[in-house]
Amino acid sequence: MFSCASAIIVLIFGPTLQGSIAISFMVAFFVVFFNAYEGARSPSIALVQNARLLGARWHQVMFQIRAPYAVVWTLAALP
């Protein structure tokens, strides 16, 4: 029934409110983290290559192309 991580948390904190908070935090963190990661990877290769061809540097690609995708996917993961 329990996953390995939640069993470890229950062993550390016991079946208390702090254990429940820790498990809830871990679940929410990993869902949001992996959605942001996939969002940053989701822009098409052609879009990134076109930006590079037009002279965009790595930080311009990161903040003007990849970051908006990551923000949208992160906000979609929040309940």
N, C-alpha and C. Protein backbone atom coordinates (compact mmCIF):
# COMPACT_ATOMS: atom_id res chain seq x y z
N MET A 1 0.82 -1.19 0.00
CA MET A 1 0.00 0.00 0.00
C MET A 1 0.87 1.25 0.00
N PHE A 2 1.81 1.36 0.92
CA PHE A 2 2.70 2.51 0.98
C PHE A 2 3.83 2.35 -0.02
N SER A 3 4.29 3.46 -0.50
CA SER A 3 5.51 3.41 -1.31
C SER A 3 6.70 3.40 -0.35
N CYS A 4 7.87 3.17 -0.90
CA CYS A 4 9.07 3.07 -0.07
C CYS A 4 9.37 4.40 0.62
N ALA A 5 9.23 5.52 -0.11
CA ALA A 5 9.53 6.82 0.48
C ALA A 5 8.55 7.17 1.60
N SER A 6 7.28 6.87 1.41
CA SER A 6 6.33 7.19 2.47
C SER A 6 6.53 6.29 3.68
N ALA A 7 6.98 5.05 3.46
CA ALA A 7 7.27 4.18 4.60
C ALA A 7 8.46 4.72 5.40
N ILE A 8 9.45 5.25 4.72
CA ILE A 8 10.59 5.83 5.41
C ILE A 8 10.18 7.06 6.20
N ILE A 9 9.33 7.89 5.60
CA ILE A 9 8.84 9.09 6.30
C ILE A 9 8.06 8.69 7.55
N VAL A 10 7.22 7.65 7.44
CA VAL A 10 6.45 7.21 8.59
C VAL A 10 7.38 6.65 9.67
N LEU A 11 8.46 5.97 9.26
CA LEU A 11 9.41 5.47 10.24
C LEU A 11 10.15 6.61 10.94
N ILE A 12 10.45 7.67 10.21
CA ILE A 12 11.17 8.80 10.80
C ILE A 12 10.26 9.62 11.71
N PHE A 13 9.12 10.05 11.18
CA PHE A 13 8.24 10.96 11.92
C PHE A 13 7.16 10.24 12.73
N GLY A 14 6.87 9.00 12.37
CA GLY A 14 5.76 8.31 13.01
C GLY A 14 4.46 8.73 12.34
N PRO A 15 3.36 8.11 12.73
CA PRO A 15 2.07 8.47 12.12
C PRO A 15 1.50 9.75 12.75
N THR A 16 2.21 10.85 12.54
CA THR A 16 1.82 12.13 13.14
C THR A 16 1.49 13.13 12.05
N LEU A 17 1.14 14.31 12.48
CA LEU A 17 0.84 15.39 11.54
C LEU A 17 2.07 15.79 10.75
N GLN A 18 3.23 15.78 11.39
CA GLN A 18 4.47 16.15 10.68
C GLN A 18 4.78 15.16 9.57
N GLY A 19 4.53 13.89 9.78
CA GLY A 19 4.73 12.90 8.73
C GLY A 19 3.79 13.12 7.56
N SER A 20 2.55 13.43 7.86
CA SER A 20 1.58 13.70 6.80
C SER A 20 1.96 14.94 6.00
N ILE A 21 2.44 15.96 6.69
CA ILE A 21 2.88 17.18 6.01
C ILE A 21 4.08 16.90 5.13
N ALA A 22 5.03 16.11 5.62
CA ALA A 22 6.22 15.78 4.84
C ALA A 22 5.86 14.99 3.58
N ILE A 23 4.97 14.02 3.70
CA ILE A 23 4.55 13.23 2.54
C ILE A 23 3.80 14.12 1.54
N SER A 24 2.92 14.98 2.03
CA SER A 24 2.18 15.88 1.14
C SER A 24 3.12 16.82 0.41
N PHE A 25 4.11 17.35 1.13
CA PHE A 25 5.08 18.24 0.50
C PHE A 25 5.86 17.51 -0.58
N MET A 26 6.31 16.29 -0.30
CA MET A 26 7.09 15.54 -1.28
C MET A 26 6.27 15.24 -2.54
N VAL A 27 5.03 14.84 -2.37
CA VAL A 27 4.18 14.55 -3.52
C VAL A 27 3.97 15.80 -4.37
N ALA A 28 3.62 16.89 -3.72
CA ALA A 28 3.40 18.14 -4.46
C ALA A 28 4.68 18.63 -5.13
N PHE A 29 5.80 18.56 -4.43
CA PHE A 29 7.07 19.02 -4.99
C PHE A 29 7.44 18.26 -6.24
N PHE A 30 7.36 16.94 -6.20
CA PHE A 30 7.79 16.15 -7.35
C PHE A 30 6.84 16.30 -8.54
N VAL A 31 5.55 16.45 -8.29
CA VAL A 31 4.61 16.67 -9.40
C VAL A 31 4.92 18.00 -10.08
N VAL A 32 5.11 19.05 -9.31
CA VAL A 32 5.40 20.37 -9.87
C VAL A 32 6.78 20.38 -10.54
N PHE A 33 7.77 19.75 -9.91
CA PHE A 33 9.12 19.71 -10.47
C PHE A 33 9.15 19.02 -11.82
N PHE A 34 8.55 17.85 -11.92
CA PHE A 34 8.60 17.12 -13.18
C PHE A 34 7.75 17.78 -14.26
N ASN A 35 6.68 18.45 -13.89
CA ASN A 35 5.93 19.22 -14.89
C ASN A 35 6.75 20.39 -15.40
N ALA A 36 7.46 21.09 -14.52
CA ALA A 36 8.31 22.19 -14.97
C ALA A 36 9.44 21.67 -15.85
N TYR A 37 10.00 20.53 -15.51
CA TYR A 37 11.07 19.93 -16.31
C TYR A 37 10.57 19.56 -17.70
N GLU A 38 9.42 18.93 -17.77
CA GLU A 38 8.86 18.58 -19.08
C GLU A 38 8.46 19.82 -19.86
N GLY A 39 7.99 20.84 -19.17
CA GLY A 39 7.63 22.08 -19.85
C GLY A 39 8.85 22.75 -20.46
N ALA A 40 9.98 22.71 -19.77
CA ALA A 40 11.19 23.31 -20.30
C ALA A 40 11.74 22.52 -21.48
N ARG A 41 11.43 21.24 -21.54
CA ARG A 41 11.88 20.41 -22.66
C ARG A 41 10.89 20.41 -23.82
N SER A 42 9.70 20.97 -23.65
CA SER A 42 8.65 20.84 -24.65
C SER A 42 8.76 21.74 -25.88
N PRO A 43 9.48 22.88 -25.85
CA PRO A 43 9.56 23.65 -27.10
C PRO A 43 10.21 22.82 -28.21
N SER A 44 9.69 22.97 -29.40
CA SER A 44 10.20 22.16 -30.50
C SER A 44 11.66 22.52 -30.79
N ILE A 45 12.37 21.55 -31.30
CA ILE A 45 13.77 21.74 -31.64
C ILE A 45 13.90 22.78 -32.73
N ALA A 46 12.94 22.80 -33.65
CA ALA A 46 12.98 23.78 -34.74
C ALA A 46 12.88 25.21 -34.21
N LEU A 47 12.06 25.42 -33.19
CA LEU A 47 11.91 26.75 -32.60
C LEU A 47 13.21 27.21 -31.97
N VAL A 48 13.86 26.33 -31.22
CA VAL A 48 15.13 26.67 -30.58
C VAL A 48 16.21 26.89 -31.63
N GLN A 49 16.25 26.05 -32.66
CA GLN A 49 17.25 26.21 -33.72
C GLN A 49 17.03 27.50 -34.51
N ASN A 50 15.78 27.86 -34.74
CA ASN A 50 15.50 29.13 -35.44
C ASN A 50 15.96 30.32 -34.60
N ALA A 51 15.75 30.26 -33.30
CA ALA A 51 16.21 31.34 -32.44
C ALA A 51 17.73 31.43 -32.46
N ARG A 52 18.39 30.28 -32.42
CA ARG A 52 19.86 30.26 -32.50
C ARG A 52 20.34 30.81 -33.83
N LEU A 53 19.66 30.46 -34.90
CA LEU A 53 20.03 30.93 -36.23
C LEU A 53 19.89 32.45 -36.33
N LEU A 54 18.92 33.00 -35.63
CA LEU A 54 18.71 34.44 -35.64
C LEU A 54 19.62 35.17 -34.64
N GLY A 55 20.49 34.43 -33.95
CA GLY A 55 21.48 35.07 -33.10
C GLY A 55 21.19 35.05 -31.61
N ALA A 56 20.24 34.25 -31.18
CA ALA A 56 19.93 34.20 -29.75
C ALA A 56 21.03 33.45 -29.01
N ARG A 57 21.39 33.97 -27.86
CA ARG A 57 22.37 33.29 -27.00
C ARG A 57 21.63 32.32 -26.10
N TRP A 58 22.40 31.53 -25.34
CA TRP A 58 21.78 30.48 -24.52
C TRP A 58 20.84 31.06 -23.47
N HIS A 59 21.19 32.21 -22.89
CA HIS A 59 20.31 32.78 -21.86
C HIS A 59 19.05 33.38 -22.47
N GLN A 60 19.13 33.87 -23.70
CA GLN A 60 17.93 34.36 -24.37
C GLN A 60 17.00 33.20 -24.71
N VAL A 61 17.56 32.09 -25.14
CA VAL A 61 16.74 30.91 -25.40
C VAL A 61 16.10 30.43 -24.11
N MET A 62 16.86 30.44 -23.03
CA MET A 62 16.34 29.96 -21.75
C MET A 62 15.20 30.83 -21.24
N PHE A 63 15.40 32.16 -21.24
CA PHE A 63 14.42 33.04 -20.61
C PHE A 63 13.27 33.44 -21.53
N GLN A 64 13.48 33.45 -22.83
CA GLN A 64 12.42 33.91 -23.73
C GLN A 64 11.68 32.78 -24.43
N ILE A 65 12.26 31.58 -24.46
CA ILE A 65 11.58 30.46 -25.12
C ILE A 65 11.23 29.38 -24.10
N ARG A 66 12.22 28.88 -23.39
CA ARG A 66 11.98 27.75 -22.49
C ARG A 66 11.22 28.14 -21.21
N ALA A 67 11.53 29.28 -20.62
CA ALA A 67 10.90 29.67 -19.35
C ALA A 67 9.38 29.84 -19.46
N PRO A 68 8.85 30.48 -20.51
CA PRO A 68 7.39 30.56 -20.60
C PRO A 68 6.71 29.20 -20.67
N TYR A 69 7.31 28.25 -21.38
CA TYR A 69 6.75 26.90 -21.43
C TYR A 69 6.78 26.26 -20.05
N ALA A 70 7.89 26.42 -19.34
CA ALA A 70 8.01 25.83 -18.00
C ALA A 70 7.01 26.44 -17.03
N VAL A 71 6.79 27.75 -17.13
CA VAL A 71 5.83 28.41 -16.23
C VAL A 71 4.41 27.90 -16.49
N VAL A 72 4.05 27.75 -17.75
CA VAL A 72 2.70 27.28 -18.08
C VAL A 72 2.50 25.85 -17.56
N TRP A 73 3.48 24.99 -17.78
CA TRP A 73 3.36 23.61 -17.30
C TRP A 73 3.37 23.54 -15.78
N THR A 74 4.12 24.42 -15.13
CA THR A 74 4.15 24.43 -13.67
C THR A 74 2.81 24.88 -13.12
N LEU A 75 2.24 25.92 -13.68
CA LEU A 75 0.93 26.39 -13.21
C LEU A 75 -0.17 25.37 -13.51
N ALA A 76 -0.02 24.59 -14.57
CA ALA A 76 -1.00 23.54 -14.87
C ALA A 76 -0.93 22.42 -13.83
N ALA A 77 0.21 22.23 -13.19
CA ALA A 77 0.36 21.16 -12.20
C ALA A 77 -0.21 21.53 -10.85
N LEU A 78 -0.35 22.82 -10.58
CA LEU A 78 -0.86 23.24 -9.28
C LEU A 78 -2.36 22.98 -9.20
N PRO A 79 -2.82 22.50 -8.07
CA PRO A 79 -4.26 22.22 -7.95
C PRO A 79 -5.09 23.48 -7.82
